[in-house]
Amino acid sequence: MTAITTIRIDHAALPHPLDRSRLDSVARVIEAALREDGIKAEASDVISHLKIELPTAQLATASAVLADLQLI
């Protein structure tokens, strides 16, 4: 069994270049960026925040990708 980590990013915390009116698209962009670095992630818009689920073993790599995207 794989441990899963959930990262939540509040909509208000999204950097300005991202289109906040199309949060499903933002989630797809984040998911694609993570997958490009080999991270098996799922990202989705959940009412007040974006939810990113990924294997805990890939958390360090995911953090670096999210930092590059200026999300954390």
PDB file of N, CA and C in Angstrom:
ATOM      1  N   MET A   1       0.844  -1.187   0.000  1.00  0.00           N
ATOM      2  CA  MET A   1       0.000   0.000   0.000  1.00  0.00           C
ATOM      3  C   MET A   1       0.887   1.248   0.000  1.00  0.00           C
ATOM      4  N   THR A   2       0.486   2.228  -0.756  1.00  0.00           N
ATOM      5  CA  THR A   2       1.225   3.480  -0.864  1.00  0.00           C
ATOM      6  C   THR A   2       0.565   4.552  -0.015  1.00  0.00           C
ATOM      7  N   ALA A   3       1.376   5.270   0.774  1.00  0.00           N
ATOM      8  CA  ALA A   3       0.860   6.402   1.546  1.00  0.00           C
ATOM      9  C   ALA A   3       0.606   7.559   0.584  1.00  0.00           C
ATOM     10  N   ILE A   4      -0.501   8.249   0.782  1.00  0.00           N
ATOM     11  CA  ILE A   4      -0.900   9.363  -0.080  1.00  0.00           C
ATOM     12  C   ILE A   4      -0.879  10.662   0.729  1.00  0.00           C
ATOM     13  N   THR A   5      -0.360  11.704   0.121  1.00  0.00           N
ATOM     14  CA  THR A   5      -0.362  13.038   0.718  1.00  0.00           C
ATOM     15  C   THR A   5      -1.325  13.913  -0.069  1.00  0.00           C
ATOM     16  N   THR A   6      -2.067  14.739   0.635  1.00  0.00           N
ATOM     17  CA  THR A   6      -2.961  15.704   0.000  1.00  0.00           C
ATOM     18  C   THR A   6      -2.446  17.107   0.278  1.00  0.00           C
ATOM     19  N   ILE A   7      -2.275  17.869  -0.785  1.00  0.00           N
ATOM     20  CA  ILE A   7      -1.868  19.270  -0.678  1.00  0.00           C
ATOM     21  C   ILE A   7      -3.068  20.108  -1.086  1.00  0.00           C
ATOM     22  N   ARG A   8      -3.372  21.103  -0.278  1.00  0.00           N
ATOM     23  CA  ARG A   8      -4.479  22.008  -0.599  1.00  0.00           C
ATOM     24  C   ARG A   8      -3.919  23.401  -0.813  1.00  0.00           C
ATOM     25  N   ILE A   9      -4.324  24.014  -1.908  1.00  0.00           N
ATOM     26  CA  ILE A   9      -3.894  25.374  -2.208  1.00  0.00           C
ATOM     27  C   ILE A   9      -5.138  26.241  -2.334  1.00  0.00           C
ATOM     28  N   ASP A  10      -5.265  27.201  -1.443  1.00  0.00           N
ATOM     29  CA  ASP A  10      -6.412  28.098  -1.433  1.00  0.00           C
ATOM     30  C   ASP A  10      -6.460  28.895  -2.729  1.00  0.00           C
ATOM     31  N   HIS A  11      -7.639  29.072  -3.271  1.00  0.00           N
ATOM     32  CA  HIS A  11      -7.786  29.841  -4.513  1.00  0.00           C
ATOM     33  C   HIS A  11      -7.149  31.222  -4.394  1.00  0.00           C
ATOM     34  N   ALA A  12      -7.294  31.866  -3.254  1.00  0.00           N
ATOM     35  CA  ALA A  12      -6.753  33.212  -3.063  1.00  0.00           C
ATOM     36  C   ALA A  12      -5.228  33.227  -3.093  1.00  0.00           C
ATOM     37  N   ALA A  13      -4.585  32.087  -2.875  1.00  0.00           N
ATOM     38  CA  ALA A  13      -3.129  32.013  -2.856  1.00  0.00           C
ATOM     39  C   ALA A  13      -2.519  31.781  -4.237  1.00  0.00           C
ATOM     40  N   LEU A  14      -3.355  31.590  -5.249  1.00  0.00           N
ATOM     41  CA  LEU A  14      -2.831  31.342  -6.596  1.00  0.00           C
ATOM     42  C   LEU A  14      -2.157  32.595  -7.131  1.00  0.00           C
ATOM     43  N   PRO A  15      -1.001  32.441  -7.785  1.00  0.00           N
ATOM     44  CA  PRO A  15      -0.336  33.614  -8.356  1.00  0.00           C
ATOM     45  C   PRO A  15      -1.178  34.233  -9.470  1.00  0.00           C
ATOM     46  N   HIS A  16      -1.007  35.517  -9.688  1.00  0.00           N
ATOM     47  CA  HIS A  16      -1.843  36.262 -10.630  1.00  0.00           C
ATOM     48  C   HIS A  16      -1.804  35.784 -12.075  1.00  0.00           C
ATOM     49  N   PRO A  17      -0.704  35.230 -12.591  1.00  0.00           N
ATOM     50  CA  PRO A  17      -0.756  34.796 -13.995  1.00  0.00           C
ATOM     51  C   PRO A  17      -1.762  33.670 -14.254  1.00  0.00           C
ATOM     52  N   LEU A  18      -2.137  32.932 -13.216  1.00  0.00           N
ATOM     53  CA  LEU A  18      -3.092  31.837 -13.411  1.00  0.00           C
ATOM     54  C   LEU A  18      -4.507  32.390 -13.483  1.00  0.00           C
ATOM     55  N   ASP A  19      -5.301  31.858 -14.393  1.00  0.00           N
ATOM     56  CA  ASP A  19      -6.672  32.311 -14.619  1.00  0.00           C
ATOM     57  C   ASP A  19      -7.593  31.712 -13.557  1.00  0.00           C
ATOM     58  N   ARG A  20      -7.927  32.484 -12.558  1.00  0.00           N
ATOM     59  CA  ARG A  20      -8.768  31.994 -11.451  1.00  0.00           C
ATOM     60  C   ARG A  20     -10.201  31.720 -11.872  1.00  0.00           C
ATOM     61  N   SER A  21     -10.598  32.181 -13.052  1.00  0.00           N
ATOM     62  CA  SER A  21     -11.951  31.906 -13.521  1.00  0.00           C
ATOM     63  C   SER A  21     -12.045  30.522 -14.155  1.00  0.00           C
ATOM     64  N   ARG A  22     -10.908  29.868 -14.372  1.00  0.00           N
ATOM     65  CA  ARG A  22     -10.883  28.538 -14.994  1.00  0.00           C
ATOM     66  C   ARG A  22     -10.059  27.594 -14.118  1.00  0.00           C
ATOM     67  N   LEU A  23     -10.542  27.348 -12.928  1.00  0.00           N
ATOM     68  CA  LEU A  23      -9.775  26.582 -11.952  1.00  0.00           C
ATOM     69  C   LEU A  23      -9.586  25.119 -12.351  1.00  0.00           C
ATOM     70  N   ASP A  24     -10.517  24.557 -13.117  1.00  0.00           N
ATOM     71  CA  ASP A  24     -10.314  23.190 -13.618  1.00  0.00           C
ATOM     72  C   ASP A  24      -9.093  23.146 -14.531  1.00  0.00           C
ATOM     73  N   SER A  25      -8.928  24.174 -15.342  1.00  0.00           N
ATOM     74  CA  SER A  25      -7.766  24.255 -16.228  1.00  0.00           C
ATOM     75  C   SER A  25      -6.477  24.419 -15.431  1.00  0.00           C
ATOM     76  N   VAL A  26      -6.527  25.225 -14.389  1.00  0.00           N
ATOM     77  CA  VAL A  26      -5.354  25.403 -13.529  1.00  0.00           C
ATOM     78  C   VAL A  26      -4.967  24.064 -12.906  1.00  0.00           C
ATOM     79  N   ALA A  27      -5.950  23.308 -12.446  1.00  0.00           N
ATOM     80  CA  ALA A  27      -5.673  21.990 -11.855  1.00  0.00           C
ATOM     81  C   ALA A  27      -5.025  21.071 -12.888  1.00  0.00           C
ATOM     82  N   ARG A  28      -5.503  21.109 -14.124  1.00  0.00           N
ATOM     83  CA  ARG A  28      -4.904  20.265 -15.180  1.00  0.00           C
ATOM     84  C   ARG A  28      -3.470  20.666 -15.474  1.00  0.00           C
ATOM     85  N   VAL A  29      -3.178  21.970 -15.455  1.00  0.00           N
ATOM     86  CA  VAL A  29      -1.818  22.457 -15.687  1.00  0.00           C
ATOM     87  C   VAL A  29      -0.893  21.971 -14.575  1.00  0.00           C
ATOM     88  N   ILE A  30      -1.347  22.060 -13.336  1.00  0.00           N
ATOM     89  CA  ILE A  30      -0.549  21.607 -12.196  1.00  0.00           C
ATOM     90  C   ILE A  30      -0.309  20.108 -12.302  1.00  0.00           C
ATOM     91  N   GLU A  31      -1.349  19.357 -12.571  1.00  0.00           N
ATOM     92  CA  GLU A  31      -1.227  17.903 -12.694  1.00  0.00           C
ATOM     93  C   GLU A  31      -0.239  17.535 -13.803  1.00  0.00           C
ATOM     94  N   ALA A  32      -0.332  18.211 -14.935  1.00  0.00           N
ATOM     95  CA  ALA A  32       0.570  17.927 -16.059  1.00  0.00           C
ATOM     96  C   ALA A  32       2.021  18.238 -15.694  1.00  0.00           C
ATOM     97  N   ALA A  33       2.246  19.355 -15.002  1.00  0.00           N
ATOM     98  CA  ALA A  33       3.608  19.718 -14.604  1.00  0.00           C
ATOM     99  C   ALA A  33       4.196  18.670 -13.658  1.00  0.00           C
ATOM    100  N   LEU A  34       3.386  18.193 -12.731  1.00  0.00           N
ATOM    101  CA  LEU A  34       3.858  17.164 -11.803  1.00  0.00           C
ATOM    102  C   LEU A  34       4.157  15.863 -12.540  1.00  0.00           C
ATOM    103  N   ARG A  35       3.288  15.495 -13.438  1.00  0.00           N
ATOM    104  CA  ARG A  35       3.474  14.238 -14.182  1.00  0.00           C
ATOM    105  C   ARG A  35       4.690  14.300 -15.104  1.00  0.00           C
ATOM    106  N   GLU A  36       5.010  15.483 -15.617  1.00  0.00           N
ATOM    107  CA  GLU A  36       6.203  15.641 -16.448  1.00  0.00           C
ATOM    108  C   GLU A  36       7.464  15.287 -15.662  1.00  0.00           C
ATOM    109  N   ASP A  37       7.425  15.504 -14.356  1.00  0.00           N
ATOM    110  CA  ASP A  37       8.564  15.168 -13.501  1.00  0.00           C
ATOM    111  C   ASP A  37       8.419  13.779 -12.883  1.00  0.00           C
ATOM    112  N   GLY A  38       7.504  12.982 -13.428  1.00  0.00           N
ATOM    113  CA  GLY A  38       7.364  11.600 -12.985  1.00  0.00           C
ATOM    114  C   GLY A  38       6.556  11.403 -11.715  1.00  0.00           C
ATOM    115  N   ILE A  39       5.795  12.417 -11.313  1.00  0.00           N
ATOM    116  CA  ILE A  39       4.996  12.340 -10.095  1.00  0.00           C
ATOM    117  C   ILE A  39       3.581  11.922 -10.467  1.00  0.00           C
ATOM    118  N   LYS A  40       3.123  10.838  -9.887  1.00  0.00           N
ATOM    119  CA  LYS A  40       1.778  10.326 -10.164  1.00  0.00           C
ATOM    120  C   LYS A  40       0.773  11.097  -9.315  1.00  0.00           C
ATOM    121  N   ALA A  41       0.399  12.271  -9.789  1.00  0.00           N
ATOM    122  CA  ALA A  41      -0.469  13.161  -9.027  1.00  0.00           C
ATOM    123  C   ALA A  41      -1.825  13.310  -9.692  1.00  0.00           C
ATOM    124  N   GLU A  42      -2.804  13.645  -8.866  1.00  0.00           N
ATOM    125  CA  GLU A  42      -4.135  14.014  -9.348  1.00  0.00           C
ATOM    126  C   GLU A  42      -4.483  15.361  -8.731  1.00  0.00           C
ATOM    127  N   ALA A  43      -4.839  16.317  -9.566  1.00  0.00           N
ATOM    128  CA  ALA A  43      -5.198  17.648  -9.088  1.00  0.00           C
ATOM    129  C   ALA A  43      -6.629  17.954  -9.508  1.00  0.00           C
ATOM    130  N   SER A  44      -7.359  18.632  -8.621  1.00  0.00           N
ATOM    131  CA  SER A  44      -8.741  18.987  -8.928  1.00  0.00           C
ATOM    132  C   SER A  44      -9.149  20.239  -8.167  1.00  0.00           C
ATOM    133  N   ASP A  45     -10.195  20.889  -8.669  1.00  0.00           N
ATOM    134  CA  ASP A  45     -10.764  22.058  -8.009  1.00  0.00           C
ATOM    135  C   ASP A  45     -11.852  21.578  -7.063  1.00  0.00           C
ATOM    136  N   VAL A  46     -11.739  21.987  -5.800  1.00  0.00           N
ATOM    137  CA  VAL A  46     -12.704  21.571  -4.789  1.00  0.00           C
ATOM    138  C   VAL A  46     -13.246  22.825  -4.091  1.00  0.00           C
ATOM    139  N   ILE A  47     -14.258  23.418  -4.647  1.00  0.00           N
ATOM    140  CA  ILE A  47     -14.985  24.581  -4.149  1.00  0.00           C
ATOM    141  C   ILE A  47     -14.087  25.737  -3.701  1.00  0.00           C
ATOM    142  N   SER A  48     -13.344  25.614  -2.589  1.00  0.00           N
ATOM    143  CA  SER A  48     -12.566  26.731  -2.058  1.00  0.00           C
ATOM    144  C   SER A  48     -11.072  26.605  -2.277  1.00  0.00           C
ATOM    145  N   HIS A  49     -10.639  25.468  -2.839  1.00  0.00           N
ATOM    146  CA  HIS A  49      -9.199  25.253  -2.992  1.00  0.00           C
ATOM    147  C   HIS A  49      -8.914  24.235  -4.098  1.00  0.00           C
ATOM    148  N   LEU A  50      -7.668  24.164  -4.469  1.00  0.00           N
ATOM    149  CA  LEU A  50      -7.218  23.113  -5.369  1.00  0.00           C
ATOM    150  C   LEU A  50      -6.684  21.980  -4.500  1.00  0.00           C
ATOM    151  N   LYS A  51      -7.010  20.767  -4.863  1.00  0.00           N
ATOM    152  CA  LYS A  51      -6.555  19.594  -4.110  1.00  0.00           C
ATOM    153  C   LYS A  51      -5.615  18.803  -5.002  1.00  0.00           C
ATOM    154  N   ILE A  52      -4.441  18.490  -4.447  1.00  0.00           N
ATOM    155  CA  ILE A  52      -3.450  17.701  -5.173  1.00  0.00           C
ATOM    156  C   ILE A  52      -3.143  16.478  -4.324  1.00  0.00           C
ATOM    157  N   GLU A  53      -3.353  15.303  -4.893  1.00  0.00           N
ATOM    158  CA  GLU A  53      -3.047  14.057  -4.189  1.00  0.00           C
ATOM    159  C   GLU A  53      -1.899  13.366  -4.905  1.00  0.00           C
ATOM    160  N   LEU A  54      -0.930  12.881  -4.130  1.00  0.00           N
ATOM    161  CA  LEU A  54       0.242  12.245  -4.694  1.00  0.00           C
ATOM    162  C   LEU A  54       0.845  11.279  -3.690  1.00  0.00           C
ATOM    163  N   PRO A  55       1.655  10.336  -4.170  1.00  0.00           N
ATOM    164  CA  PRO A  55       2.322   9.426  -3.237  1.00  0.00           C
ATOM    165  C   PRO A  55       3.265  10.209  -2.314  1.00  0.00           C
ATOM    166  N   THR A  56       3.206   9.926  -1.040  1.00  0.00           N
ATOM    167  CA  THR A  56       4.031  10.634  -0.060  1.00  0.00           C
ATOM    168  C   THR A  56       5.513  10.515  -0.393  1.00  0.00           C
ATOM    169  N   ALA A  57       5.920   9.407  -0.967  1.00  0.00           N
ATOM    170  CA  ALA A  57       7.328   9.211  -1.319  1.00  0.00           C
ATOM    171  C   ALA A  57       7.805  10.229  -2.362  1.00  0.00           C
ATOM    172  N   GLN A  58       6.879  10.854  -3.072  1.00  0.00           N
ATOM    173  CA  GLN A  58       7.234  11.834  -4.099  1.00  0.00           C
ATOM    174  C   GLN A  58       7.010  13.272  -3.635  1.00  0.00           C
ATOM    175  N   LEU A  59       6.786  13.467  -2.349  1.00  0.00           N
ATOM    176  CA  LEU A  59       6.462  14.792  -1.818  1.00  0.00           C
ATOM    177  C   LEU A  59       7.592  15.794  -2.013  1.00  0.00           C
ATOM    178  N   ALA A  60       8.827  15.406  -1.799  1.00  0.00           N
ATOM    179  CA  ALA A  60       9.944  16.343  -1.955  1.00  0.00           C
ATOM    180  C   ALA A  60      10.050  16.834  -3.398  1.00  0.00           C
ATOM    181  N   THR A  61       9.944  15.926  -4.337  1.00  0.00           N
ATOM    182  CA  THR A  61      10.004  16.308  -5.754  1.00  0.00           C
ATOM    183  C   THR A  61       8.810  17.184  -6.117  1.00  0.00           C
ATOM    184  N   ALA A  62       7.636  16.816  -5.632  1.00  0.00           N
ATOM    185  CA  ALA A  62       6.432  17.607  -5.911  1.00  0.00           C
ATOM    186  C   ALA A  62       6.560  19.009  -5.336  1.00  0.00           C
ATOM    187  N   SER A  63       7.136  19.133  -4.163  1.00  0.00           N
ATOM    188  CA  SER A  63       7.320  20.446  -3.547  1.00  0.00           C
ATOM    189  C   SER A  63       8.201  21.339  -4.412  1.00  0.00           C
ATOM    190  N   ALA A  64       9.243  20.754  -4.998  1.00  0.00           N
ATOM    191  CA  ALA A  64      10.125  21.529  -5.871  1.00  0.00           C
ATOM    192  C   ALA A  64       9.372  22.010  -7.114  1.00  0.00           C
ATOM    193  N   VAL A  65       8.550  21.137  -7.695  1.00  0.00           N
ATOM    194  CA  VAL A  65       7.764  21.515  -8.880  1.00  0.00           C
ATOM    195  C   VAL A  65       6.774  22.617  -8.517  1.00  0.00           C
ATOM    196  N   LEU A  66       6.085  22.467  -7.396  1.00  0.00           N
ATOM    197  CA  LEU A  66       5.102  23.480  -6.984  1.00  0.00           C
ATOM    198  C   LEU A  66       5.771  24.808  -6.647  1.00  0.00           C
ATOM    199  N   ALA A  67       6.972  24.749  -6.110  1.00  0.00           N
ATOM    200  CA  ALA A  67       7.729  25.991  -5.846  1.00  0.00           C
ATOM    201  C   ALA A  67       8.100  26.666  -7.154  1.00  0.00           C
ATOM    202  N   ASP A  68       8.516  25.879  -8.156  1.00  0.00           N
ATOM    203  CA  ASP A  68       8.840  26.453  -9.470  1.00  0.00           C
ATOM    204  C   ASP A  68       7.620  27.118 -10.095  1.00  0.00           C
ATOM    205  N   LEU A  69       6.438  26.584  -9.831  1.00  0.00           N
ATOM    206  CA  LEU A  69       5.190  27.166 -10.341  1.00  0.00           C
ATOM    207  C   LEU A  69       4.695  28.324  -9.474  1.00  0.00           C
ATOM    208  N   GLN A  70       5.443  28.652  -8.417  1.00  0.00           N
ATOM    209  CA  GLN A  70       5.121  29.709  -7.449  1.00  0.00           C
ATOM    210  C   GLN A  70       3.806  29.456  -6.728  1.00  0.00           C
ATOM    211  N   LEU A  71       3.520  28.177  -6.475  1.00  0.00           N
ATOM    212  CA  LEU A  71       2.301  27.814  -5.755  1.00  0.00           C
ATOM    213  C   LEU A  71       2.553  27.637  -4.269  1.00  0.00           C
ATOM    214  N   ILE A  72       3.817  27.377  -3.924  1.00  0.00           N
ATOM    215  CA  ILE A  72       4.173  27.264  -2.498  1.00  0.00           C
ATOM    216  C   ILE A  72       5.468  28.021  -2.266  1.00  0.00           C
TER     217      ILE A  72
END
